[in-house]
């Protein structure tokens, strides 16, 4: 595995959960110190669960970090793009100390970070601080969806985490949307309008 670029003291930001039909979008920000061991850090989607959890523990124990959830009702109100931007802004401003530089995964910087932020396309596979943020965002969201699966067991949120999988659509066809589904997303809107979506 290639070594990622490490810029000590810079914030890395990433989100998890833009694509699912249910649950929150979650953003994380991580500021890694100079001597942080960046070995193994990578885009969270490229890591297995055991590795993500091990890295999550290392990141939380050795860096400055914050996580923010934006819930489905706000996603429906402002759309998923702006909800993702809002989550990253809120996470950033929850840091105890403000870093001078921020690197954001993707091609867009949240408005509040325009003075210090830089977008990095596929940054979670290039920069250690963004990779660390991607890991914290994904582990936090997956854990949250597993808890919600206890409240809504018929949907299988602990398996697909709200993403549009065949078994998720099958559950929707049997039970219809639940309170944590994103009403503004086309497949859920179709169910709400009485149209079967597959």
Protein backbone atom coordinates (compact mmCIF):
# COMPACT_ATOMS: atom_id res chain seq x y z
CA UNK A 1 0.00 0.00 0.00
CA UNK A 2 1.34 3.40 -0.94
CA UNK A 3 2.16 5.95 1.75
CA UNK A 4 -0.25 8.87 1.93
CA UNK A 5 0.87 12.48 2.10
CA UNK A 6 1.04 13.66 5.71
CA UNK A 7 0.77 17.39 6.48
CA UNK A 8 0.98 17.74 10.27
CA UNK A 9 -1.51 20.13 11.81
CA UNK A 10 -3.76 20.33 8.74
CA UNK A 11 -7.39 19.30 8.99
CA UNK A 12 -8.76 16.57 6.77
CA UNK A 13 -12.51 16.41 6.14
CA UNK A 14 -14.68 13.73 4.62
CA UNK A 15 -18.24 12.46 4.84
CA UNK A 16 -20.06 9.14 4.76
CA UNK A 17 -23.62 8.53 3.69
CA UNK A 18 -24.40 10.71 0.68
CA UNK A 19 -25.83 7.78 -1.29
CA UNK A 20 -28.08 5.91 1.16
CA UNK A 21 -31.86 6.13 1.14
CA UNK A 22 -32.03 6.27 4.93
CA UNK A 23 -30.19 7.63 7.93
CA UNK A 24 -27.93 10.63 8.43
CA UNK A 25 -24.99 11.94 6.47
CA UNK A 26 -21.95 12.00 8.75
CA UNK A 27 -18.87 14.20 8.45
CA UNK A 28 -15.60 13.93 10.30
CA UNK A 29 -12.59 16.19 10.63
CA UNK A 30 -9.18 14.99 11.79
CA UNK A 31 -5.99 16.92 12.57
CA UNK A 32 -3.01 14.58 12.74
CA UNK A 33 0.09 15.58 14.72
CA UNK A 34 3.57 15.43 13.23
CA UNK A 35 4.57 12.08 14.72
CA UNK A 36 1.30 10.28 14.07
CA UNK A 37 1.81 6.79 12.60
CA UNK A 38 0.01 7.04 9.26
CA UNK A 39 0.77 3.46 8.21
CA UNK A 40 -2.37 1.66 7.08
CA UNK A 41 -4.48 4.77 6.59
CA UNK A 42 -6.51 4.66 3.41
CA UNK A 43 -9.93 5.43 1.95
CA UNK A 44 -12.31 3.74 4.41
CA UNK A 45 -14.10 1.95 1.56
CA UNK A 46 -10.86 0.11 0.78
CA UNK A 47 -10.50 -1.26 4.32
CA UNK A 48 -12.21 -4.20 5.98
CA UNK A 49 -14.22 -3.72 9.17
CA UNK A 50 -11.54 -5.02 11.55
CA UNK A 51 -8.91 -2.70 10.06
CA UNK A 52 -11.24 0.30 10.14
CA UNK A 53 -12.00 -0.25 13.82
CA UNK A 54 -8.32 -0.62 14.69
CA UNK A 55 -7.47 2.56 12.81
CA UNK A 56 -10.43 4.38 14.37
CA UNK A 57 -9.02 3.66 17.82
CA UNK A 58 -5.55 4.85 16.80
CA UNK A 59 -6.91 8.04 15.21
CA UNK A 60 -9.14 8.94 18.15
CA UNK A 61 -6.36 8.29 20.62
CA UNK A 62 -3.70 10.29 18.81
CA UNK A 63 -5.29 13.24 17.05
CA UNK A 64 -7.71 16.10 17.32
CA UNK A 65 -11.04 15.16 15.75
CA UNK A 66 -14.77 15.89 15.61
CA UNK A 67 -17.80 14.24 14.03
CA UNK A 68 -21.16 15.73 13.00
CA UNK A 69 -24.44 14.07 11.99
CA UNK A 70 -27.05 15.73 9.76
CA UNK A 71 -30.35 13.88 10.03
CA UNK A 72 -32.78 12.92 7.23
CA UNK A 73 -35.25 15.74 7.91
CA UNK A 74 -32.53 18.34 7.30
CA UNK A 75 -31.25 16.43 4.26
CA UNK A 76 -34.79 16.58 2.84
CA UNK A 77 -35.03 20.28 3.61
CA UNK A 78 -31.73 21.48 2.07
CA UNK A 79 -30.70 18.49 -0.16
CA UNK A 80 -27.88 16.02 0.32
CA UNK A 81 -25.09 18.18 -1.13
CA UNK A 82 -25.73 21.09 1.22
CA UNK A 83 -26.34 18.73 4.11
CA UNK A 84 -22.90 17.20 3.48
CA UNK A 85 -21.33 20.67 3.35
CA UNK A 86 -23.14 21.67 6.56
CA UNK A 87 -21.96 18.53 8.34
CA UNK A 88 -18.33 19.24 7.42
CA UNK A 89 -18.58 22.88 8.48
CA UNK A 90 -20.09 21.95 11.85
CA UNK A 91 -17.51 19.24 12.46
CA UNK A 92 -14.68 21.67 11.64
CA UNK A 93 -15.96 24.36 14.01
CA UNK A 94 -16.34 21.78 16.79
CA UNK A 95 -12.56 21.35 16.94
CA UNK A 96 -11.00 22.62 20.13
CA UNK A 97 -8.27 24.43 18.14
CA UNK A 98 -8.75 25.85 14.66
CA UNK A 99 -6.16 24.61 12.13
CA UNK A 100 -4.86 27.04 9.54
CA UNK A 101 -5.31 24.65 6.61
CA UNK A 102 -8.06 22.21 5.68
CA UNK A 103 -8.23 19.60 2.95
CA UNK A 104 -11.65 18.38 1.85
CA UNK A 105 -12.32 15.16 -0.02
CA UNK A 106 -14.00 15.83 -3.37
CA UNK A 107 -14.26 18.81 -5.70
CA UNK A 108 -15.99 21.34 -3.46
CA UNK A 109 -15.08 23.25 -0.29
CA UNK A 110 -17.81 24.21 2.21
CA UNK A 111 -18.47 27.96 2.06
CA UNK A 112 -17.37 28.58 5.64
CA UNK A 113 -13.96 27.04 4.85
CA UNK A 114 -13.21 28.91 1.63
CA UNK A 115 -10.47 30.94 3.28
CA UNK A 116 -8.46 27.94 4.46
CA UNK A 117 -9.87 24.94 2.61
CA UNK A 118 -8.70 23.10 -0.48
CA UNK A 119 -10.65 20.42 -2.33
CA UNK A 120 -8.76 17.23 -3.18
CA UNK A 121 -10.43 14.85 -5.62
CA UNK A 122 -10.13 11.28 -4.28
CA UNK A 123 -8.30 12.81 -1.35
CA UNK A 124 -9.13 9.91 0.95
CA UNK A 125 -6.67 7.84 -1.05
CA UNK A 126 -4.03 10.58 -1.25
CA UNK A 127 -3.80 12.43 2.07
CA UNK A 128 -3.49 10.91 5.53
CA UNK A 129 -5.69 13.48 7.27
CA UNK A 130 -8.55 12.96 4.79
CA UNK A 131 -8.20 9.18 4.98
CA UNK A 132 -8.41 9.41 8.77
CA UNK A 133 -11.56 11.53 8.48
CA UNK A 134 -13.11 9.04 6.06
CA UNK A 135 -12.50 6.24 8.57
CA UNK A 136 -14.09 8.13 11.47
CA UNK A 137 -17.08 9.18 9.38
CA UNK A 138 -17.75 5.66 8.13
CA UNK A 139 -17.30 3.88 11.45
CA UNK A 140 -19.53 6.43 13.20
CA UNK A 141 -22.27 6.15 10.60
CA UNK A 142 -22.17 2.35 10.39
CA UNK A 143 -22.37 2.08 14.17
CA UNK A 144 -25.30 4.50 14.24
CA UNK A 145 -27.18 2.57 11.56
CA UNK A 146 -26.62 -0.69 13.45
CA UNK A 147 -28.26 0.93 16.50
CA UNK A 148 -31.19 2.14 14.35
CA UNK A 149 -31.60 -1.44 13.13
CA UNK A 150 -32.79 -2.29 16.64
CA UNK A 151 -35.59 0.26 16.31
CA UNK A 152 -36.48 -0.71 12.72
CA UNK A 153 -35.43 -4.40 12.51
CA UNK A 154 -37.51 -5.16 9.41
CA UNK A 155 -35.24 -3.06 7.15
CA UNK A 156 -31.83 -4.64 7.74
CA UNK A 157 -30.00 -1.37 8.37
CA UNK A 158 -27.22 -3.29 10.15
CA UNK A 159 -26.46 -5.07 6.85
CA UNK A 160 -26.80 -2.43 4.12
CA UNK A 161 -26.64 0.73 6.31
CA UNK A 162 -29.43 2.36 4.29
CA UNK A 163 -27.84 1.99 0.86
CA UNK A 164 -30.09 1.05 -2.08
CA UNK A 165 -29.50 -2.71 -2.13
CA UNK A 166 -31.96 -5.36 -3.39
CA UNK A 167 -32.85 -6.47 0.14
CA UNK A 168 -33.43 -2.85 1.17
CA UNK A 169 -35.85 -2.39 -1.76
CA UNK A 170 -37.55 -5.67 -0.85
CA UNK A 171 -38.05 -4.43 2.72
CA UNK A 172 -39.42 -1.14 1.39
CA UNK A 173 -41.90 -2.96 -0.81
CA UNK A 174 -43.08 -5.01 2.18
CA UNK A 175 -43.16 -2.28 4.82
CA UNK A 176 -42.95 1.09 3.07
CA UNK A 177 -40.62 3.88 4.26
CA UNK A 178 -39.92 4.43 7.96
CA UNK A 179 -39.19 7.72 9.79
CA UNK A 180 -35.46 7.67 8.98
CA UNK A 181 -35.89 7.31 5.23
CA UNK A 182 -35.00 10.35 3.12
CA UNK A 183 -38.28 11.47 1.61
CA UNK A 184 -36.60 13.70 -0.99
CA UNK A 185 -34.70 10.79 -2.57
CA UNK A 186 -36.44 9.55 -5.72
CA UNK A 187 -37.02 5.89 -4.73
CA UNK A 188 -38.55 6.90 -1.39
CA UNK A 189 -40.63 9.65 -3.00
CA UNK A 190 -41.92 6.99 -5.42
CA UNK A 191 -43.04 4.80 -2.52
CA UNK A 192 -44.70 7.79 -0.84
CA UNK A 193 -46.59 8.44 -4.08
CA UNK A 194 -47.78 4.86 -4.27
CA UNK A 195 -45.40 3.94 -7.08
CA UNK A 196 -43.40 0.76 -6.56
CA UNK A 197 -39.71 1.55 -7.09
CA UNK A 198 -37.15 -1.16 -7.80
